[in-house]
C-alpha cells in the first residue's frame, strides 16, 4: 500500500512538473476569456437559499491566484442539512498554479476517506461526464463529496486527465483556464452514499447548467 501511494505521488508530481514546463514553453499571449465573477453566482437556487463562507488567508495562499466561491445552501422548507458549494476557477495555470485535488486537501483538514467511487452526471443539452463520489468522516460525522474538474464545457473526474486536457487545450486554444466544482453535504446516520447522492440530485441539477457563465466554454 505504501509503495503504491509513493508511486502515485511520484507520478502526480512528475505530471505537474511536465505540465508546468509545457505551459511555460508557450510564448504566445494567453487567451483569458470573459466571464462572470464567481461572487455573482446565484445566491438562490430554486428553493435553496445561501450564505457565503469566507476563506482565510492561509487557504487562499495555498490555492494561489484565482477566483473562489464557498457557499452554504439550505432549503428552508425542509429539514435537510446544508449543502456546501465550492467553486475554484483559475484563469491561467501556466505558472504552475494548478488545481488542488480534494483527495489531498480534505485529509489534510483532518477528514478520513472511507469510500471513493466514480459516478456519471448529466444535464440537459450536455453529454454525461464522470465525477468523483467521496465519503469522508471525522469525529463520528460523515460527509458525501461530489467533485469534478470543469474546463471548456468538459467535465472529467481524473486529475491526470484534467492535466492532459490542460496541455492539449493550451496548445490548441492557447488557454490554460480551468476549475474545480465540489459539492459537499452531511450524511444522515446510517445513510448510504447512493441515498445521499439521490438526495443531492436536485441541487446538483440546479448548479450544473449555470457553470458555463462562470467557467467559460
N, C-alpha and C. Protein backbone atom coordinates (compact mmCIF):
# COMPACT_ATOMS: atom_id res chain seq x y z
N UNK A 1 0.83 -1.21 0.00
CA UNK A 1 0.00 0.00 0.00
C UNK A 1 0.86 1.25 0.00
N UNK A 2 1.93 1.27 0.87
CA UNK A 2 2.80 2.44 0.92
C UNK A 2 3.54 2.63 -0.39
N UNK A 3 3.96 1.49 -1.00
CA UNK A 3 4.67 1.59 -2.28
C UNK A 3 3.76 2.14 -3.36
N UNK A 4 2.48 1.69 -3.37
CA UNK A 4 1.52 2.18 -4.36
C UNK A 4 1.26 3.67 -4.18
N UNK A 5 1.12 4.11 -2.93
CA UNK A 5 0.90 5.53 -2.66
C UNK A 5 2.10 6.35 -3.09
N UNK A 6 3.31 5.81 -2.86
CA UNK A 6 4.51 6.51 -3.26
C UNK A 6 4.62 6.66 -4.76
N UNK A 7 4.24 5.61 -5.49
CA UNK A 7 4.28 5.66 -6.94
C UNK A 7 3.28 6.68 -7.48
N UNK A 8 2.07 6.72 -6.87
CA UNK A 8 1.08 7.69 -7.30
C UNK A 8 1.56 9.11 -7.05
N UNK A 9 2.23 9.32 -5.91
CA UNK A 9 2.75 10.65 -5.60
C UNK A 9 3.81 11.07 -6.61
N UNK A 10 4.73 10.14 -6.93
CA UNK A 10 5.78 10.45 -7.90
C UNK A 10 5.18 10.74 -9.27
N UNK A 11 4.17 9.95 -9.66
CA UNK A 11 3.52 10.17 -10.95
C UNK A 11 2.84 11.52 -10.99
N UNK A 12 2.12 11.86 -9.91
CA UNK A 12 1.42 13.14 -9.86
C UNK A 12 2.41 14.30 -9.90
N UNK A 13 3.50 14.20 -9.11
CA UNK A 13 4.49 15.27 -9.08
C UNK A 13 5.16 15.44 -10.45
N UNK A 14 5.46 14.32 -11.10
CA UNK A 14 6.09 14.39 -12.42
C UNK A 14 5.15 15.01 -13.44
N UNK A 15 3.88 14.64 -13.36
CA UNK A 15 2.91 15.17 -14.31
C UNK A 15 2.73 16.67 -14.11
N UNK A 16 2.67 17.11 -12.87
CA UNK A 16 2.54 18.54 -12.59
C UNK A 16 3.76 19.30 -13.12
N UNK A 17 4.95 18.75 -12.88
CA UNK A 17 6.17 19.41 -13.36
C UNK A 17 6.19 19.48 -14.89
N UNK A 18 5.82 18.38 -15.54
CA UNK A 18 5.79 18.35 -17.01
C UNK A 18 4.77 19.34 -17.55
N UNK A 19 3.62 19.39 -16.89
CA UNK A 19 2.57 20.33 -17.30
C UNK A 19 3.08 21.77 -17.23
N UNK A 20 3.75 22.11 -16.12
CA UNK A 20 4.27 23.47 -15.96
C UNK A 20 5.31 23.80 -17.02
N UNK A 21 6.18 22.83 -17.33
CA UNK A 21 7.22 23.07 -18.34
C UNK A 21 6.59 23.31 -19.70
N UNK A 22 5.62 22.46 -20.06
CA UNK A 22 4.99 22.59 -21.37
C UNK A 22 4.21 23.90 -21.49
N UNK A 23 3.54 24.28 -20.42
CA UNK A 23 2.74 25.50 -20.48
C UNK A 23 3.63 26.74 -20.54
N UNK A 24 4.70 26.74 -19.78
CA UNK A 24 5.60 27.89 -19.78
C UNK A 24 6.35 28.03 -21.10
N UNK A 25 6.46 26.91 -21.82
CA UNK A 25 7.15 26.93 -23.10
C UNK A 25 6.35 27.65 -24.18
N UNK A 26 5.06 27.86 -23.94
CA UNK A 26 4.24 28.56 -24.91
C UNK A 26 4.53 30.06 -24.84
N UNK A 27 4.89 30.66 -25.96
CA UNK A 27 5.32 32.06 -25.96
C UNK A 27 4.21 33.03 -26.33
N UNK A 28 3.12 32.54 -26.92
CA UNK A 28 2.06 33.45 -27.33
C UNK A 28 1.34 34.02 -26.12
N UNK A 29 0.77 35.21 -26.30
CA UNK A 29 -0.04 35.79 -25.24
C UNK A 29 -1.27 34.93 -25.02
N UNK A 30 -1.47 34.53 -23.78
CA UNK A 30 -2.54 33.58 -23.47
C UNK A 30 -3.92 34.23 -23.60
N UNK A 31 -4.87 33.47 -24.08
CA UNK A 31 -6.25 33.93 -24.17
C UNK A 31 -6.91 33.79 -22.80
N UNK A 32 -7.41 34.88 -22.26
CA UNK A 32 -8.15 34.88 -20.99
C UNK A 32 -9.58 35.29 -21.33
N UNK A 33 -10.51 34.34 -21.41
CA UNK A 33 -11.87 34.67 -21.86
C UNK A 33 -12.66 35.46 -20.82
N UNK A 34 -13.62 36.24 -21.30
CA UNK A 34 -14.51 36.99 -20.42
C UNK A 34 -15.48 36.03 -19.73
N UNK A 35 -15.86 36.37 -18.53
CA UNK A 35 -16.80 35.53 -17.77
C UNK A 35 -17.36 36.35 -16.62
N UNK A 36 -18.37 35.81 -15.96
CA UNK A 36 -18.92 36.44 -14.77
C UNK A 36 -18.11 36.01 -13.55
N UNK A 37 -17.88 36.92 -12.59
CA UNK A 37 -17.16 36.52 -11.37
C UNK A 37 -17.98 35.54 -10.55
N UNK A 38 -17.29 34.65 -9.84
CA UNK A 38 -17.99 33.64 -9.05
C UNK A 38 -18.84 34.27 -7.95
N UNK A 39 -18.46 35.46 -7.51
CA UNK A 39 -19.25 36.13 -6.47
C UNK A 39 -20.66 36.44 -6.90
N UNK A 40 -20.90 36.48 -8.24
CA UNK A 40 -22.24 36.76 -8.74
C UNK A 40 -23.04 35.49 -9.01
N UNK A 41 -22.48 34.33 -8.65
CA UNK A 41 -23.23 33.09 -8.80
C UNK A 41 -24.51 33.19 -7.97
N UNK A 42 -25.65 32.72 -8.50
CA UNK A 42 -26.93 32.92 -7.80
C UNK A 42 -26.92 32.45 -6.35
N UNK A 43 -27.34 33.35 -5.48
CA UNK A 43 -27.46 33.00 -4.06
C UNK A 43 -28.71 32.19 -3.79
N UNK A 44 -29.65 32.23 -4.72
CA UNK A 44 -30.89 31.46 -4.60
C UNK A 44 -30.95 30.47 -5.76
N UNK A 45 -31.01 29.19 -5.44
CA UNK A 45 -31.12 28.14 -6.46
C UNK A 45 -32.41 27.36 -6.18
N UNK A 46 -33.43 27.65 -6.95
CA UNK A 46 -34.71 27.02 -6.68
C UNK A 46 -35.20 27.42 -5.30
N UNK A 47 -35.42 26.43 -4.44
CA UNK A 47 -35.84 26.70 -3.07
C UNK A 47 -34.66 26.83 -2.11
N UNK A 48 -33.44 26.73 -2.65
CA UNK A 48 -32.25 26.78 -1.81
C UNK A 48 -31.77 28.23 -1.66
N UNK A 49 -31.66 28.70 -0.41
CA UNK A 49 -31.05 29.99 -0.14
C UNK A 49 -29.66 29.74 0.44
N UNK A 50 -28.81 30.81 0.46
CA UNK A 50 -27.41 30.55 0.79
C UNK A 50 -26.80 31.63 1.66
N UNK A 51 -25.62 31.30 2.14
CA UNK A 51 -24.79 32.24 2.90
C UNK A 51 -23.34 31.99 2.53
N UNK A 52 -22.61 33.07 2.21
CA UNK A 52 -21.21 32.92 1.84
C UNK A 52 -20.37 32.50 3.04
N UNK A 53 -19.35 31.69 2.76
CA UNK A 53 -18.40 31.24 3.78
C UNK A 53 -17.04 31.79 3.38
N UNK A 54 -16.48 32.74 4.14
CA UNK A 54 -15.20 33.34 3.74
C UNK A 54 -14.05 32.36 3.87
N UNK A 55 -13.07 32.51 2.98
CA UNK A 55 -11.85 31.72 3.05
C UNK A 55 -10.78 32.52 3.78
N UNK A 56 -10.06 31.86 4.67
CA UNK A 56 -9.00 32.56 5.39
C UNK A 56 -7.77 32.74 4.50
N UNK A 57 -6.88 33.62 4.93
CA UNK A 57 -5.70 33.97 4.13
C UNK A 57 -4.82 32.75 3.89
N UNK A 58 -4.67 31.88 4.88
CA UNK A 58 -3.82 30.70 4.72
C UNK A 58 -4.35 29.80 3.59
N UNK A 59 -5.67 29.61 3.54
CA UNK A 59 -6.27 28.79 2.50
C UNK A 59 -6.08 29.45 1.14
N UNK A 60 -6.29 30.76 1.08
CA UNK A 60 -6.13 31.49 -0.18
C UNK A 60 -4.69 31.41 -0.68
N UNK A 61 -3.74 31.47 0.25
CA UNK A 61 -2.34 31.37 -0.14
C UNK A 61 -2.03 30.00 -0.74
N UNK A 62 -2.65 28.96 -0.18
CA UNK A 62 -2.45 27.59 -0.70
C UNK A 62 -3.08 27.45 -2.08
N UNK A 63 -4.27 28.02 -2.25
CA UNK A 63 -4.98 27.89 -3.52
C UNK A 63 -4.27 28.62 -4.64
N UNK A 64 -3.69 29.77 -4.34
CA UNK A 64 -2.99 30.53 -5.37
C UNK A 64 -3.92 31.48 -6.10
N UNK A 65 -3.42 32.14 -7.16
CA UNK A 65 -4.22 33.13 -7.90
C UNK A 65 -5.43 32.49 -8.57
N UNK A 66 -6.58 33.03 -8.30
CA UNK A 66 -7.80 32.51 -8.89
C UNK A 66 -9.02 33.19 -8.31
N UNK A 67 -10.18 32.68 -8.68
CA UNK A 67 -11.46 33.19 -8.21
C UNK A 67 -12.16 32.05 -7.49
N UNK A 68 -12.61 32.28 -6.25
CA UNK A 68 -13.13 31.20 -5.43
C UNK A 68 -14.46 31.58 -4.81
N UNK A 69 -15.29 30.57 -4.66
CA UNK A 69 -16.59 30.76 -4.02
C UNK A 69 -16.87 29.58 -3.11
N UNK A 70 -17.22 29.88 -1.85
CA UNK A 70 -17.67 28.85 -0.92
C UNK A 70 -19.00 29.33 -0.35
N UNK A 71 -20.04 28.55 -0.55
CA UNK A 71 -21.36 28.93 -0.06
C UNK A 71 -22.06 27.73 0.57
N UNK A 72 -22.79 28.02 1.64
CA UNK A 72 -23.64 27.02 2.25
C UNK A 72 -25.08 27.27 1.83
N UNK A 73 -25.68 26.29 1.16
CA UNK A 73 -27.07 26.39 0.70
C UNK A 73 -27.97 25.53 1.59
N UNK A 74 -29.18 26.04 1.79
CA UNK A 74 -30.14 25.27 2.58
C UNK A 74 -31.55 25.54 2.08
N UNK A 75 -32.35 24.50 2.10
CA UNK A 75 -33.76 24.63 1.73
C UNK A 75 -34.55 24.90 3.01
N UNK A 76 -35.06 26.13 3.20
CA UNK A 76 -35.75 26.46 4.46
C UNK A 76 -37.05 25.70 4.65
N UNK A 77 -37.56 25.10 3.58
CA UNK A 77 -38.82 24.36 3.68
C UNK A 77 -38.62 22.89 4.02
N UNK A 78 -37.37 22.50 4.29
CA UNK A 78 -37.11 21.10 4.62
C UNK A 78 -36.16 21.02 5.80
N UNK A 79 -35.99 19.80 6.31
CA UNK A 79 -35.06 19.57 7.42
C UNK A 79 -33.71 19.05 6.92
N UNK A 80 -33.46 19.16 5.63
CA UNK A 80 -32.21 18.66 5.07
C UNK A 80 -31.05 19.54 5.53
N UNK A 81 -29.88 18.94 5.73
CA UNK A 81 -28.72 19.73 6.17
C UNK A 81 -28.20 20.64 5.06
N UNK A 82 -27.32 21.54 5.46
CA UNK A 82 -26.69 22.45 4.50
C UNK A 82 -25.95 21.66 3.43
N UNK A 83 -25.89 22.26 2.25
CA UNK A 83 -25.05 21.75 1.16
C UNK A 83 -24.01 22.82 0.86
N UNK A 84 -22.74 22.45 0.94
CA UNK A 84 -21.66 23.40 0.66
C UNK A 84 -21.26 23.30 -0.80
N UNK A 85 -21.21 24.44 -1.46
CA UNK A 85 -20.75 24.52 -2.84
C UNK A 85 -19.41 25.25 -2.86
N UNK A 86 -18.41 24.60 -3.44
CA UNK A 86 -17.09 25.21 -3.58
C UNK A 86 -16.74 25.24 -5.06
N UNK A 87 -16.50 26.45 -5.58
CA UNK A 87 -16.07 26.64 -6.97
C UNK A 87 -14.71 27.32 -6.95
N UNK A 88 -13.77 26.75 -7.67
CA UNK A 88 -12.43 27.34 -7.78
C UNK A 88 -12.09 27.47 -9.25
N UNK A 89 -11.89 28.70 -9.72
CA UNK A 89 -11.58 28.95 -11.12
C UNK A 89 -10.21 29.58 -11.22
N UNK A 90 -9.37 29.01 -12.09
CA UNK A 90 -8.04 29.53 -12.34
C UNK A 90 -7.98 30.04 -13.77
N UNK A 91 -7.87 31.36 -13.98
CA UNK A 91 -7.84 31.91 -15.34
C UNK A 91 -6.60 31.48 -16.12
N UNK A 92 -5.51 31.17 -15.40
CA UNK A 92 -4.30 30.69 -16.04
C UNK A 92 -3.59 29.72 -15.10
N UNK A 93 -3.10 28.61 -15.68
CA UNK A 93 -2.34 27.64 -14.89
C UNK A 93 -0.93 27.47 -15.43
N UNK A 94 -0.46 28.46 -16.19
CA UNK A 94 0.85 28.36 -16.81
C UNK A 94 1.99 28.53 -15.82
N UNK A 95 1.73 29.23 -14.72
CA UNK A 95 2.80 29.48 -13.75
C UNK A 95 2.93 28.36 -12.73
N UNK A 96 2.20 27.25 -12.96
CA UNK A 96 2.27 26.13 -12.04
C UNK A 96 1.21 26.14 -10.96
N UNK A 97 0.31 27.13 -10.98
CA UNK A 97 -0.78 27.20 -10.00
C UNK A 97 -1.94 26.34 -10.51
N UNK A 98 -1.80 25.04 -10.35
CA UNK A 98 -2.80 24.11 -10.85
C UNK A 98 -3.81 23.77 -9.76
N UNK A 99 -4.88 23.13 -10.16
CA UNK A 99 -5.98 22.83 -9.26
C UNK A 99 -5.59 21.75 -8.27
N UNK A 100 -5.92 21.97 -7.00
CA UNK A 100 -5.62 21.01 -5.94
C UNK A 100 -6.74 19.98 -5.83
N UNK A 101 -6.37 18.71 -5.77
CA UNK A 101 -7.36 17.65 -5.65
C UNK A 101 -7.91 17.59 -4.22
N UNK A 102 -9.23 17.46 -4.06
CA UNK A 102 -9.81 17.27 -2.72
C UNK A 102 -9.28 16.04 -2.01
N UNK A 103 -8.76 15.07 -2.77
CA UNK A 103 -8.20 13.88 -2.14
C UNK A 103 -6.98 14.23 -1.29
N UNK A 104 -6.34 15.34 -1.59
CA UNK A 104 -5.20 15.78 -0.80
C UNK A 104 -5.62 16.80 0.25
N UNK A 105 -6.53 17.70 -0.12
CA UNK A 105 -6.91 18.79 0.78
C UNK A 105 -7.75 18.31 1.97
N UNK A 106 -8.73 17.45 1.71
CA UNK A 106 -9.65 17.03 2.77
C UNK A 106 -8.95 16.21 3.86
N UNK A 107 -8.13 15.22 3.52
CA UNK A 107 -7.38 14.53 4.59
C UNK A 107 -6.47 15.47 5.36
N UNK A 108 -5.93 16.48 4.67
CA UNK A 108 -5.09 17.45 5.35
C UNK A 108 -5.86 18.28 6.37
N UNK A 109 -7.20 18.36 6.19
CA UNK A 109 -8.05 19.08 7.14
C UNK A 109 -8.60 18.15 8.23
N UNK A 110 -8.10 16.92 8.29
CA UNK A 110 -8.50 16.00 9.35
C UNK A 110 -9.58 15.01 9.00
N UNK A 111 -10.06 15.03 7.75
CA UNK A 111 -11.10 14.10 7.32
C UNK A 111 -10.49 12.78 6.86
N UNK A 112 -11.13 11.67 7.26
CA UNK A 112 -10.66 10.34 6.89
C UNK A 112 -11.48 9.83 5.71
N UNK A 113 -10.84 9.45 4.61
CA UNK A 113 -11.59 8.91 3.47
C UNK A 113 -12.11 7.50 3.78
N UNK A 114 -13.37 7.26 3.46
CA UNK A 114 -13.99 5.95 3.66
C UNK A 114 -14.26 5.24 2.34
N UNK A 115 -14.79 5.96 1.38
CA UNK A 115 -15.12 5.38 0.08
C UNK A 115 -14.79 6.39 -1.02
N UNK A 116 -14.41 5.85 -2.16
CA UNK A 116 -14.12 6.70 -3.32
C UNK A 116 -14.59 5.98 -4.57
N UNK A 117 -15.60 6.53 -5.23
CA UNK A 117 -16.18 5.90 -6.41
C UNK A 117 -16.26 6.90 -7.55
N UNK A 118 -16.45 6.40 -8.74
CA UNK A 118 -16.74 7.22 -9.91
C UNK A 118 -18.22 7.10 -10.24
N UNK A 119 -18.84 8.24 -10.51
CA UNK A 119 -20.24 8.26 -10.91
C UNK A 119 -20.35 9.02 -12.23
N UNK A 120 -21.52 9.03 -12.80
CA UNK A 120 -21.77 9.77 -14.03
C UNK A 120 -22.85 10.81 -13.78
N UNK A 121 -22.56 12.06 -14.17
CA UNK A 121 -23.53 13.14 -14.04
C UNK A 121 -23.93 13.60 -15.44
N UNK A 122 -25.12 14.14 -15.53
CA UNK A 122 -25.59 14.63 -16.83
C UNK A 122 -26.48 15.83 -16.62
N UNK A 123 -26.68 16.57 -17.69
CA UNK A 123 -27.58 17.71 -17.65
C UNK A 123 -28.17 17.90 -19.03
N UNK A 124 -29.30 18.59 -19.15
CA UNK A 124 -29.93 18.79 -20.46
C UNK A 124 -28.98 19.48 -21.44
N UNK A 125 -28.88 18.93 -22.64
CA UNK A 125 -28.06 19.53 -23.68
C UNK A 125 -26.58 19.29 -23.54
N UNK A 126 -26.17 18.42 -22.62
CA UNK A 126 -24.76 18.16 -22.39
C UNK A 126 -24.55 16.65 -22.26
N UNK A 127 -23.47 16.16 -22.84
CA UNK A 127 -23.16 14.74 -22.73
C UNK A 127 -22.84 14.38 -21.28
N UNK A 128 -23.22 13.19 -20.83
CA UNK A 128 -22.86 12.77 -19.47
C UNK A 128 -21.34 12.82 -19.27
N UNK A 129 -20.92 13.09 -18.05
CA UNK A 129 -19.49 13.16 -17.76
C UNK A 129 -19.21 12.51 -16.41
N UNK A 130 -17.99 12.02 -16.20
CA UNK A 130 -17.65 11.35 -14.95
C UNK A 130 -17.34 12.34 -13.83
N UNK A 131 -17.65 11.94 -12.62
CA UNK A 131 -17.34 12.73 -11.43
C UNK A 131 -16.92 11.79 -10.31
N UNK A 132 -16.33 12.36 -9.27
CA UNK A 132 -15.89 11.58 -8.12
C UNK A 132 -16.94 11.65 -7.01
N UNK A 133 -17.16 10.52 -6.37
CA UNK A 133 -18.02 10.47 -5.19
C UNK A 133 -17.15 9.98 -4.04
N UNK A 134 -17.00 10.85 -3.06
CA UNK A 134 -16.03 10.66 -1.98
C UNK A 134 -16.79 10.70 -0.66
N UNK A 135 -16.64 9.68 0.18
CA UNK A 135 -17.24 9.66 1.51
C UNK A 135 -16.12 9.86 2.53
N UNK A 136 -16.28 10.88 3.39
CA UNK A 136 -15.26 11.19 4.39
C UNK A 136 -15.91 11.23 5.77
N UNK A 137 -15.09 11.06 6.79
CA UNK A 137 -15.61 11.06 8.16
C UNK A 137 -14.62 11.72 9.11
N UNK A 138 -15.17 12.28 10.19
CA UNK A 138 -14.36 12.89 11.26
C UNK A 138 -15.21 13.00 12.50
N UNK A 139 -14.69 12.47 13.61
CA UNK A 139 -15.37 12.57 14.91
C UNK A 139 -16.82 12.10 14.85
N UNK A 140 -17.06 11.01 14.12
CA UNK A 140 -18.40 10.44 14.04
C UNK A 140 -19.29 11.04 12.97
N UNK A 141 -18.88 12.14 12.37
CA UNK A 141 -19.67 12.77 11.31
C UNK A 141 -19.21 12.23 9.95
N UNK A 142 -20.15 12.10 9.04
CA UNK A 142 -19.83 11.63 7.70
C UNK A 142 -20.36 12.64 6.68
N UNK A 143 -19.60 12.83 5.61
CA UNK A 143 -20.00 13.74 4.54
C UNK A 143 -19.86 13.04 3.19
N UNK A 144 -20.74 13.41 2.28
CA UNK A 144 -20.63 12.97 0.90
C UNK A 144 -20.08 14.13 0.09
N UNK A 145 -19.05 13.86 -0.69
CA UNK A 145 -18.41 14.88 -1.52
C UNK A 145 -18.51 14.45 -2.98
N UNK A 146 -19.10 15.30 -3.79
CA UNK A 146 -19.10 15.10 -5.24
C UNK A 146 -18.19 16.17 -5.83
N UNK A 147 -17.24 15.78 -6.68
CA UNK A 147 -16.38 16.79 -7.29
C UNK A 147 -15.90 16.34 -8.65
N UNK A 148 -15.61 17.34 -9.47
CA UNK A 148 -15.07 17.08 -10.80
C UNK A 148 -14.32 18.31 -11.29
N UNK A 149 -13.53 18.11 -12.32
CA UNK A 149 -12.78 19.19 -12.94
C UNK A 149 -13.55 19.65 -14.18
N UNK A 150 -13.67 20.97 -14.33
CA UNK A 150 -14.52 21.51 -15.40
C UNK A 150 -13.75 22.57 -16.16
N UNK A 151 -13.63 22.39 -17.46
CA UNK A 151 -12.94 23.37 -18.31
C UNK A 151 -13.45 23.24 -19.72
N UNK A 152 -13.79 24.38 -20.32
CA UNK A 152 -14.15 24.45 -21.74
C UNK A 152 -15.31 23.51 -22.07
N UNK A 153 -16.31 23.53 -21.19
CA UNK A 153 -17.54 22.74 -21.34
C UNK A 153 -17.26 21.24 -21.26
N UNK A 154 -16.21 20.87 -20.54
CA UNK A 154 -15.83 19.46 -20.40
C UNK A 154 -15.68 19.12 -18.92
N UNK A 155 -16.33 18.06 -18.49
CA UNK A 155 -16.19 17.59 -17.12
C UNK A 155 -15.42 16.29 -17.09
N UNK A 156 -14.42 16.19 -16.19
CA UNK A 156 -13.66 14.96 -16.02
C UNK A 156 -13.47 14.70 -14.53
N UNK A 157 -13.31 13.43 -14.17
CA UNK A 157 -13.12 13.07 -12.77
C UNK A 157 -11.64 12.97 -12.41
N UNK A 158 -10.81 12.50 -13.32
CA UNK A 158 -9.41 12.23 -13.05
C UNK A 158 -8.57 13.50 -13.11
N UNK A 159 -7.76 13.72 -12.09
CA UNK A 159 -6.86 14.88 -12.12
C UNK A 159 -5.79 14.71 -13.20
N UNK A 160 -5.46 13.47 -13.53
CA UNK A 160 -4.47 13.24 -14.58
C UNK A 160 -5.03 13.60 -15.95
N UNK A 161 -6.30 13.21 -16.21
CA UNK A 161 -6.94 13.59 -17.47
C UNK A 161 -7.13 15.11 -17.53
N UNK A 162 -7.43 15.71 -16.38
CA UNK A 162 -7.59 17.17 -16.35
C UNK A 162 -6.29 17.85 -16.78
N UNK A 163 -5.16 17.34 -16.33
CA UNK A 163 -3.87 17.92 -16.71
C UNK A 163 -3.54 17.61 -18.17
N UNK A 164 -3.92 16.45 -18.65
CA UNK A 164 -3.72 16.13 -20.07
C UNK A 164 -4.48 17.13 -20.94
N UNK A 165 -5.76 17.36 -20.61
CA UNK A 165 -6.54 18.31 -21.40
C UNK A 165 -6.04 19.73 -21.23
N UNK A 166 -5.46 20.03 -20.06
CA UNK A 166 -4.88 21.36 -19.83
C UNK A 166 -3.79 21.64 -20.86
N UNK A 167 -2.89 20.69 -21.03
CA UNK A 167 -1.81 20.85 -22.00
C UNK A 167 -2.37 20.88 -23.42
N UNK A 168 -3.29 19.97 -23.71
CA UNK A 168 -3.88 19.90 -25.06
C UNK A 168 -4.58 21.21 -25.42
N UNK A 169 -5.36 21.76 -24.50
CA UNK A 169 -6.10 22.99 -24.79
C UNK A 169 -5.17 24.19 -24.85
N UNK A 170 -4.07 24.16 -24.09
CA UNK A 170 -3.10 25.25 -24.16
C UNK A 170 -2.47 25.30 -25.55
N UNK A 171 -2.23 24.14 -26.13
CA UNK A 171 -1.65 24.08 -27.46
C UNK A 171 -2.70 24.42 -28.52
N UNK A 172 -3.90 23.86 -28.38
CA UNK A 172 -4.92 24.01 -29.41
C UNK A 172 -5.64 25.34 -29.33
N UNK A 173 -5.93 25.83 -28.10
CA UNK A 173 -6.75 27.01 -27.92
C UNK A 173 -5.99 28.18 -27.32
N UNK A 174 -4.73 27.94 -26.89
CA UNK A 174 -3.94 28.96 -26.20
C UNK A 174 -4.63 29.41 -24.91
N UNK A 175 -5.24 28.45 -24.23
CA UNK A 175 -5.91 28.70 -22.95
C UNK A 175 -5.49 27.65 -21.93
N UNK A 176 -5.32 28.08 -20.69
CA UNK A 176 -5.00 27.13 -19.62
C UNK A 176 -5.93 27.31 -18.42
N UNK A 177 -7.08 27.94 -18.66
CA UNK A 177 -8.02 28.14 -17.55
C UNK A 177 -8.75 26.83 -17.24
N UNK A 178 -9.22 26.74 -16.02
CA UNK A 178 -9.96 25.55 -15.61
C UNK A 178 -10.50 25.72 -14.20
N UNK A 179 -11.31 24.76 -13.78
CA UNK A 179 -11.99 24.91 -12.49
C UNK A 179 -12.20 23.57 -11.81
N UNK A 180 -12.44 23.66 -10.53
CA UNK A 180 -12.87 22.52 -9.72
C UNK A 180 -14.26 22.85 -9.19
N UNK A 181 -15.16 21.89 -9.30
CA UNK A 181 -16.51 22.02 -8.74
C UNK A 181 -16.65 20.96 -7.66
N UNK A 182 -17.02 21.39 -6.45
CA UNK A 182 -17.16 20.45 -5.34
C UNK A 182 -18.45 20.73 -4.57
N UNK A 183 -19.23 19.69 -4.38
CA UNK A 183 -20.49 19.78 -3.64
C UNK A 183 -20.41 18.82 -2.46
N UNK A 184 -20.63 19.34 -1.26
CA UNK A 184 -20.46 18.55 -0.04
C UNK A 184 -21.72 18.65 0.81
N UNK A 185 -22.13 17.51 1.38
CA UNK A 185 -23.31 17.51 2.25
C UNK A 185 -23.11 16.52 3.39
N UNK A 186 -23.64 16.87 4.57
CA UNK A 186 -23.65 15.94 5.68
C UNK A 186 -24.51 14.73 5.34
N UNK A 187 -24.09 13.57 5.82
CA UNK A 187 -24.88 12.35 5.65
C UNK A 187 -25.61 12.03 6.95
N UNK A 188 -26.82 11.53 6.82
CA UNK A 188 -27.57 11.11 7.99
C UNK A 188 -26.97 9.82 8.56
N UNK A 189 -27.16 9.56 9.86
CA UNK A 189 -26.66 8.31 10.43
C UNK A 189 -27.23 7.10 9.67
N UNK A 190 -26.34 6.23 9.25
CA UNK A 190 -26.77 5.03 8.54
C UNK A 190 -27.12 5.23 7.08
N UNK A 191 -27.04 6.48 6.59
CA UNK A 191 -27.39 6.74 5.20
C UNK A 191 -26.33 6.20 4.25
N UNK A 192 -26.75 5.59 3.17
CA UNK A 192 -25.81 5.06 2.18
C UNK A 192 -25.38 6.18 1.23
N UNK A 193 -24.22 6.01 0.60
CA UNK A 193 -23.79 7.01 -0.40
C UNK A 193 -24.80 7.16 -1.54
N UNK A 194 -25.42 6.06 -1.96
CA UNK A 194 -26.41 6.14 -3.04
C UNK A 194 -27.60 7.01 -2.62
N UNK A 195 -28.05 6.82 -1.37
CA UNK A 195 -29.19 7.61 -0.89
C UNK A 195 -28.82 9.08 -0.76
N UNK A 196 -27.62 9.36 -0.27
CA UNK A 196 -27.18 10.75 -0.13
C UNK A 196 -27.02 11.41 -1.50
N UNK A 197 -26.50 10.66 -2.46
CA UNK A 197 -26.35 11.21 -3.81
C UNK A 197 -27.71 11.51 -4.42
N UNK A 198 -28.67 10.62 -4.21
CA UNK A 198 -30.02 10.85 -4.73
C UNK A 198 -30.63 12.09 -4.10
N UNK A 199 -30.36 12.29 -2.82
CA UNK A 199 -30.88 13.46 -2.11
C UNK A 199 -30.27 14.75 -2.66
N UNK A 200 -29.01 14.66 -3.14
CA UNK A 200 -28.32 15.84 -3.68
C UNK A 200 -28.65 16.11 -5.14
N UNK A 201 -29.33 15.18 -5.79
CA UNK A 201 -29.55 15.32 -7.23
C UNK A 201 -30.25 16.62 -7.62
N UNK A 202 -31.33 17.04 -6.95
CA UNK A 202 -31.97 18.31 -7.35
C UNK A 202 -31.04 19.51 -7.25
N UNK A 203 -30.22 19.55 -6.20
CA UNK A 203 -29.30 20.67 -6.05
C UNK A 203 -28.24 20.64 -7.15
N UNK A 204 -27.68 19.46 -7.40
CA UNK A 204 -26.67 19.33 -8.45
C UNK A 204 -27.24 19.73 -9.81
N UNK A 205 -28.48 19.36 -10.06
CA UNK A 205 -29.13 19.71 -11.33
C UNK A 205 -29.34 21.20 -11.47
N UNK A 206 -29.47 21.91 -10.34
CA UNK A 206 -29.60 23.37 -10.39
C UNK A 206 -28.25 24.04 -10.67
N UNK A 207 -27.16 23.43 -10.19
CA UNK A 207 -25.84 24.04 -10.30
C UNK A 207 -25.25 23.87 -11.70
N UNK A 208 -25.28 22.66 -12.23
CA UNK A 208 -24.54 22.33 -13.45
C UNK A 208 -24.90 23.24 -14.64
N UNK A 209 -26.19 23.50 -14.90
CA UNK A 209 -26.50 24.32 -16.08
C UNK A 209 -25.95 25.76 -16.01
N UNK A 210 -25.59 26.23 -14.82
CA UNK A 210 -25.11 27.60 -14.66
C UNK A 210 -23.61 27.75 -14.86
N UNK A 211 -22.89 26.64 -14.91
CA UNK A 211 -21.44 26.71 -14.86
C UNK A 211 -20.82 27.47 -16.04
N UNK A 212 -21.40 27.35 -17.22
CA UNK A 212 -20.78 27.95 -18.40
C UNK A 212 -20.70 29.48 -18.32
N UNK A 213 -21.55 30.10 -17.52
CA UNK A 213 -21.49 31.55 -17.37
C UNK A 213 -20.30 32.01 -16.54
N UNK A 214 -19.80 31.11 -15.70
CA UNK A 214 -18.74 31.46 -14.75
C UNK A 214 -17.43 30.74 -15.04
N UNK A 215 -17.53 29.63 -15.79
CA UNK A 215 -16.36 28.85 -16.20
C UNK A 215 -16.46 28.74 -17.72
N UNK A 216 -15.77 29.59 -18.46
CA UNK A 216 -16.04 29.74 -19.90
C UNK A 216 -15.86 28.47 -20.70
N UNK A 217 -16.70 28.36 -21.73
CA UNK A 217 -16.57 27.24 -22.67
C UNK A 217 -15.27 27.38 -23.44
